[in-house]
Amino acid sequence: MPAAVATAGGHVLFGTTSWADRGLVGAGTFYPRKTMTARARLAHYASRFPLAEVATTYRFPPTPQLAAQWVERTPPGFTFDIRAWSLLTGAPTLPDSLWPDLQDEVRDRSRDLRRLYPPHLSEAGLQECWERFAHALSPLRAAGRLGVVVLQYPTWFAPRPESWAELAALGDRLPGCRLAVELRSPKWTDGPACDATLEWLEDRGLAFVCVDGPPEGPRSVPTVAAATADVAVVRFVGRRHVPGEPWTSPYRYGPDELAGWVPRLTDLAASAGEVHVLMDNRWGSDAVDNAGLLAALLSAHAG
């Protein structure tokens, strides 16, 4: 398993948000064979990268059995970041992702909805969801494989009293876990709000997820590179093609775009000590290629 890149007194781990993405498998350039067992595929991925984010847990919560399999199929020192189940951040949730024995905790008038939200559950039912999610991660914690739990909040989750209270409760809801919050509403980082947000997160040891993405459009969020905890997280979601520039794919980063992040990653490593770089531009082999290239650029810079 490749080691993290050491720089500025810290270290940077590189990885992607899926090792089993259909586009990656079908590209035929990363895995030795297109037909591999799940165990062999994860083992090969772990031989190339020290980090992966499990994004599928956003749609369906994990089980302790599945987490134990991830431990068995990776070497010591490998790190899994886990994306929190959508229900836990108030995002639209598939009703069938709720445990069958908790279906009775859904309020009667909400049982035929196509999407589930926290207010549709009883307080006891929602608390049980948090506890089960935390329990499912116990094999990863016990084996030292758990990196951070990434809580990805929807765009309507804006800075208001109930939102601050929700964030303040995270430590009690997921005890023993390092937590990172991805705040998609630009209201958290616009103008003077940015410093206030970062200071508040730092006071509570919550990591701020830095996002590099489209400079404009519905998914655009101001790029803020900041460390607010002992681990920093950077997500690369891809930049849309700019008219007039050479086109490769709508998601792949060019060398110059990635090189611009080298000094930022160096600063984050100096501040946090540990940085997780997650390539979320899943199109063919773009994510693994970009992760490898950025790791090489940072390594060359670090000397």
Protein backbone atom coordinates (compact mmCIF):
# COMPACT_ATOMS: atom_id res chain seq x y z
CA MET A 1 0.00 0.00 0.00
CA PRO A 2 1.47 3.41 -0.94
CA ALA A 3 2.23 5.70 1.93
CA ALA A 4 0.76 9.13 2.41
CA VAL A 5 2.77 12.06 1.06
CA ALA A 6 4.71 13.79 3.82
CA THR A 7 4.84 17.57 3.60
CA ALA A 8 5.07 20.59 5.91
CA GLY A 9 5.27 18.40 9.01
CA GLY A 10 2.01 16.62 8.12
CA HIS A 11 0.85 13.98 5.68
CA VAL A 12 -1.66 13.86 2.84
CA LEU A 13 -3.70 10.79 1.88
CA PHE A 14 -5.12 10.48 -1.62
CA GLY A 15 -8.06 8.40 -2.79
CA THR A 16 -11.40 8.36 -4.59
CA THR A 17 -15.05 8.05 -3.64
CA SER A 18 -15.50 4.61 -5.22
CA TRP A 19 -13.35 1.62 -6.04
CA ALA A 20 -16.22 -0.27 -7.71
CA ASP A 21 -17.73 2.44 -9.92
CA ARG A 22 -19.06 0.97 -13.15
CA GLY A 23 -17.24 3.55 -15.25
CA LEU A 24 -13.93 2.84 -13.54
CA VAL A 25 -14.28 -0.92 -13.95
CA GLY A 26 -15.41 -0.54 -17.55
CA ALA A 27 -12.54 1.80 -18.46
CA GLY A 28 -10.21 -1.17 -18.33
CA THR A 29 -7.12 0.86 -17.42
CA PHE A 30 -6.99 0.66 -13.63
CA TYR A 31 -7.90 -2.93 -12.77
CA PRO A 32 -5.93 -5.82 -14.28
CA ARG A 33 -9.17 -7.48 -15.39
CA LYS A 34 -12.74 -6.29 -15.85
CA THR A 35 -14.01 -9.43 -14.15
CA MET A 36 -12.70 -9.50 -10.59
CA THR A 37 -14.27 -10.45 -7.29
CA ALA A 38 -15.24 -7.67 -4.92
CA ARG A 39 -12.45 -8.80 -2.59
CA ALA A 40 -9.82 -8.73 -5.32
CA ARG A 41 -10.96 -5.36 -6.62
CA LEU A 42 -10.74 -3.67 -3.21
CA ALA A 43 -7.38 -5.32 -2.54
CA HIS A 44 -6.02 -3.98 -5.83
CA TYR A 45 -7.35 -0.50 -5.09
CA ALA A 46 -5.72 -0.58 -1.63
CA SER A 47 -2.40 -1.49 -3.25
CA ARG A 48 -2.54 1.80 -5.18
CA PHE A 49 -4.09 4.23 -2.70
CA PRO A 50 -4.16 4.58 1.12
CA LEU A 51 -7.64 6.14 1.30
CA ALA A 52 -11.18 5.65 0.00
CA GLU A 53 -14.45 7.34 0.77
CA VAL A 54 -17.46 5.04 0.91
CA ALA A 55 -20.12 7.09 -0.87
CA THR A 56 -22.76 4.34 -1.06
CA THR A 57 -23.50 4.82 2.64
CA TYR A 58 -25.16 8.10 1.70
CA ARG A 59 -28.04 6.16 0.12
CA PHE A 60 -28.10 3.09 2.38
CA PRO A 61 -26.59 2.90 5.86
CA PRO A 62 -23.84 0.32 6.32
CA THR A 63 -24.01 -2.80 8.47
CA PRO A 64 -21.38 -4.03 10.92
CA GLN A 65 -20.96 -7.11 8.71
CA LEU A 66 -20.16 -4.99 5.67
CA ALA A 67 -17.75 -2.82 7.63
CA ALA A 68 -16.01 -5.99 8.85
CA GLN A 69 -15.59 -7.09 5.22
CA TRP A 70 -13.90 -3.80 4.36
CA VAL A 71 -11.48 -4.40 7.22
CA GLU A 72 -10.71 -7.95 6.10
CA ARG A 73 -10.04 -6.89 2.51
CA THR A 74 -7.61 -4.05 3.22
CA PRO A 75 -4.15 -3.92 4.81
CA PRO A 76 -3.34 -2.29 8.15
CA GLY A 77 -3.00 1.44 7.76
CA PHE A 78 -5.65 1.76 5.06
CA THR A 79 -8.24 4.46 5.77
CA PHE A 80 -11.96 4.59 5.01
CA ASP A 81 -13.86 7.86 5.12
CA ILE A 82 -17.58 7.18 5.44
CA ARG A 83 -20.24 9.43 3.95
CA ALA A 84 -23.12 9.77 6.39
CA TRP A 85 -26.53 8.40 5.46
CA SER A 86 -28.69 11.10 3.85
CA LEU A 87 -31.38 10.94 6.54
CA LEU A 88 -28.87 12.07 9.15
CA THR A 89 -28.24 15.34 7.32
CA GLY A 90 -31.84 16.09 6.38
CA ALA A 91 -31.40 15.28 2.71
CA PRO A 92 -34.04 13.36 0.69
CA THR A 93 -33.87 9.71 1.71
CA LEU A 94 -35.17 6.55 0.08
CA PRO A 95 -37.86 5.11 2.39
CA ASP A 96 -36.63 1.56 1.79
CA SER A 97 -33.20 2.49 3.15
CA LEU A 98 -34.76 2.63 6.62
CA TRP A 99 -34.38 -0.57 8.63
CA PRO A 100 -37.55 -2.69 8.31
CA ASP A 101 -38.09 -2.89 12.05
CA LEU A 102 -38.07 0.93 12.26
CA GLN A 103 -40.80 1.44 9.67
CA ASP A 104 -43.33 1.73 12.50
CA GLU A 105 -41.44 4.81 13.72
CA VAL A 106 -42.53 6.68 10.59
CA ARG A 107 -45.52 8.86 11.33
CA ASP A 108 -48.73 7.50 9.76
CA ARG A 109 -49.30 10.32 7.29
CA SER A 110 -45.71 10.02 6.01
CA ARG A 111 -45.65 6.33 5.16
CA ASP A 112 -46.60 6.70 1.49
CA LEU A 113 -44.10 9.45 0.65
CA ARG A 114 -41.49 8.88 -2.05
CA ARG A 115 -38.80 10.53 0.08
CA LEU A 116 -38.18 10.41 3.81
CA TYR A 117 -36.99 13.29 6.00
CA PRO A 118 -36.09 13.41 9.72
CA PRO A 119 -39.40 15.06 10.79
CA HIS A 120 -41.25 12.05 9.39
CA LEU A 121 -39.82 9.86 12.16
CA SER A 122 -40.51 9.84 15.85
CA GLU A 123 -37.78 11.27 18.06
CA ALA A 124 -37.03 7.79 19.37
CA GLY A 125 -36.85 6.39 15.85
CA LEU A 126 -34.46 9.08 14.66
CA GLN A 127 -32.22 8.60 17.70
CA GLU A 128 -32.13 4.87 16.95
CA CYS A 129 -31.01 5.66 13.39
CA TRP A 130 -28.04 7.64 14.68
CA GLU A 131 -27.12 4.86 17.11
CA ARG A 132 -27.32 2.13 14.50
CA PHE A 133 -25.23 4.10 12.03
CA ALA A 134 -22.56 4.67 14.69
CA HIS A 135 -22.64 1.01 15.70
CA ALA A 136 -22.15 -0.12 12.11
CA LEU A 137 -18.81 1.68 12.04
CA SER A 138 -17.46 -0.12 15.11
CA PRO A 139 -15.43 -2.73 13.13
CA LEU A 140 -13.66 0.09 11.30
CA ARG A 141 -12.94 1.95 14.54
CA ALA A 142 -11.67 -1.19 16.27
CA ALA A 143 -9.30 -1.95 13.40
CA GLY A 144 -8.02 1.61 13.09
CA ARG A 145 -9.44 1.90 9.58
CA LEU A 146 -11.98 4.68 10.19
CA GLY A 147 -10.87 8.08 8.98
CA VAL A 148 -13.69 10.60 9.18
CA VAL A 149 -17.45 10.54 8.85
CA VAL A 150 -18.37 13.09 6.20
CA LEU A 151 -21.75 14.74 6.75
CA GLN A 152 -22.87 16.26 3.45
CA TYR A 153 -25.61 18.83 4.04
CA PRO A 154 -28.08 19.92 1.34
CA THR A 155 -28.10 23.41 -0.13
CA TRP A 156 -31.10 24.47 1.96
CA PHE A 157 -29.16 23.78 5.17
CA ALA A 158 -28.19 27.41 5.77
CA PRO A 159 -26.77 29.22 8.83
CA ARG A 160 -29.70 29.73 11.18
CA PRO A 161 -30.25 28.77 14.84
CA GLU A 162 -31.60 25.27 14.18
CA SER A 163 -28.69 24.53 11.82
CA TRP A 164 -26.08 25.58 14.38
CA ALA A 165 -27.86 23.41 16.95
CA GLU A 166 -27.83 20.45 14.56
CA LEU A 167 -24.09 20.78 14.03
CA ALA A 168 -23.45 21.24 17.76
CA ALA A 169 -25.17 17.92 18.49
CA LEU A 170 -23.00 15.86 16.13
CA GLY A 171 -20.36 14.99 18.70
CA ASP A 172 -22.95 13.39 20.97
CA ARG A 173 -24.69 11.59 18.11
CA LEU A 174 -21.53 10.03 16.68
CA PRO A 175 -19.24 9.66 19.70
CA GLY A 176 -15.70 8.50 19.10
CA CYS A 177 -15.73 9.51 15.43
CA ARG A 178 -13.81 12.26 13.72
CA LEU A 179 -16.39 14.35 11.89
CA ALA A 180 -16.23 16.50 8.77
CA VAL A 181 -19.06 18.70 7.52
CA GLU A 182 -19.68 19.61 3.90
CA LEU A 183 -21.79 22.76 3.80
CA ARG A 184 -23.23 23.17 0.32
CA SER A 185 -25.03 26.44 0.88
CA PRO A 186 -22.74 29.36 -0.08
CA LYS A 187 -24.26 31.34 2.78
CA TRP A 188 -21.83 29.61 5.15
CA THR A 189 -18.78 30.99 3.37
CA ASP A 190 -19.94 34.20 1.68
CA GLY A 191 -18.15 37.34 2.83
CA PRO A 192 -17.80 37.83 6.61
CA ALA A 193 -19.82 34.67 7.29
CA CYS A 194 -16.83 32.58 6.24
CA ASP A 195 -14.57 33.45 9.17
CA ALA A 196 -17.43 33.03 11.63
CA THR A 197 -18.26 29.58 10.25
CA LEU A 198 -14.67 28.39 10.31
CA GLU A 199 -14.04 29.68 13.83
CA TRP A 200 -17.21 28.01 15.12
CA LEU A 201 -16.25 24.68 13.56
CA GLU A 202 -12.72 24.94 14.92
CA ASP A 203 -13.99 25.58 18.44
CA ARG A 204 -15.90 22.28 18.23
CA GLY A 205 -13.28 20.20 16.45
CA LEU A 206 -15.41 19.70 13.33
CA ALA A 207 -13.48 19.47 10.08
CA PHE A 208 -14.55 21.73 7.24
CA VAL A 209 -14.77 19.96 3.87
CA CYS A 210 -13.07 22.06 1.20
CA VAL A 211 -14.66 21.60 -2.23
CA ASP A 212 -13.16 22.23 -5.64
CA GLY A 213 -15.89 22.27 -8.27
CA PRO A 214 -17.58 24.26 -11.02
CA PRO A 215 -16.85 27.99 -10.77
CA GLU A 216 -20.46 28.77 -11.67
CA GLY A 217 -23.83 27.08 -11.96
CA PRO A 218 -26.18 25.31 -9.51
CA ARG A 219 -23.40 23.20 -7.95
CA SER A 220 -20.92 26.03 -7.53
CA VAL A 221 -19.61 26.73 -4.03
CA PRO A 222 -16.83 29.21 -3.22
CA THR A 223 -13.54 27.36 -2.93
CA VAL A 224 -12.33 27.77 0.64
CA ALA A 225 -9.21 25.93 1.75
CA ALA A 226 -9.20 25.86 5.53
CA ALA A 227 -8.35 23.47 8.35
CA THR A 228 -10.62 23.55 11.39
CA ALA A 229 -9.64 20.26 13.07
CA ASP A 230 -6.74 17.80 13.27
CA VAL A 231 -7.74 16.48 9.84
CA ALA A 232 -8.64 18.46 6.73
CA VAL A 233 -10.77 17.07 3.91
CA VAL A 234 -10.69 18.23 0.29
CA ARG A 235 -13.25 17.01 -2.25
CA PHE A 236 -12.67 17.40 -5.99
CA VAL A 237 -15.97 17.12 -7.86
CA GLY A 238 -14.73 18.20 -11.30
CA ARG A 239 -14.97 21.40 -13.31
CA ARG A 240 -17.24 21.75 -16.28
CA HIS A 241 -15.62 22.23 -19.65
CA VAL A 242 -14.73 25.84 -20.46
CA PRO A 243 -15.69 26.84 -24.04
CA GLY A 244 -12.66 27.45 -26.24
CA GLU A 245 -10.35 25.16 -24.25
CA PRO A 246 -9.27 21.66 -25.34
CA TRP A 247 -11.86 19.08 -24.27
CA THR A 248 -10.96 15.73 -22.75
CA SER A 249 -13.93 14.95 -20.52
CA PRO A 250 -16.25 17.14 -18.46
CA TYR A 251 -14.72 15.97 -15.21
CA ARG A 252 -11.00 15.34 -15.61
CA TYR A 253 -8.65 17.92 -14.08
CA GLY A 254 -5.70 19.09 -16.09
CA PRO A 255 -2.16 19.15 -14.64
CA ASP A 256 -2.20 22.94 -14.20
CA GLU A 257 -5.52 22.83 -12.32
CA LEU A 258 -4.15 20.23 -9.91
CA ALA A 259 -0.80 21.98 -9.55
CA GLY A 260 -2.65 25.01 -8.24
CA TRP A 261 -3.69 22.92 -5.25
CA VAL A 262 -0.15 21.89 -4.25
CA PRO A 263 0.56 24.98 -2.09
CA ARG A 264 -2.94 24.78 -0.60
CA LEU A 265 -2.48 21.15 0.40
CA THR A 266 0.91 22.02 1.87
CA ASP A 267 -0.67 24.74 4.00
CA LEU A 268 -3.50 22.43 5.09
CA ALA A 269 -0.98 19.76 6.12
CA ALA A 270 0.93 22.32 8.15
CA SER A 271 -2.26 23.41 9.93
CA ALA A 272 -4.11 20.13 10.43
CA GLY A 273 -1.33 17.54 10.33
CA GLU A 274 -3.46 15.17 8.24
CA VAL A 275 -5.23 15.87 4.94
CA HIS A 276 -7.64 13.59 3.07
CA VAL A 277 -7.90 14.29 -0.67
CA LEU A 278 -10.98 12.70 -2.23
CA MET A 279 -11.45 12.64 -5.99
CA ASP A 280 -15.19 12.61 -6.63
CA ASN A 281 -15.01 13.23 -10.39
CA ARG A 282 -16.14 9.74 -11.31
CA TRP A 283 -16.00 9.44 -15.07
CA GLY A 284 -14.11 6.45 -16.40
CA SER A 285 -10.68 6.47 -14.79
CA ASP A 286 -10.60 10.25 -14.22
CA ALA A 287 -10.73 10.02 -10.42
CA VAL A 288 -7.91 7.50 -9.98
CA ASP A 289 -5.79 9.20 -12.64
CA ASN A 290 -6.22 12.62 -11.05
CA ALA A 291 -5.57 11.26 -7.55
CA GLY A 292 -2.33 9.68 -8.72
CA LEU A 293 -1.23 12.81 -10.58
CA LEU A 294 -1.93 15.17 -7.68
CA ALA A 295 -0.08 12.84 -5.29
CA ALA A 296 2.91 12.88 -7.64
CA LEU A 297 2.84 16.67 -7.95
CA LEU A 298 2.72 17.13 -4.18
CA SER A 299 5.45 14.55 -3.63
CA ALA A 300 7.72 16.32 -6.13
CA HIS A 301 7.04 19.65 -4.44
CA ALA A 302 7.77 18.23 -1.00
CA GLY A 303 11.08 16.93 -2.28
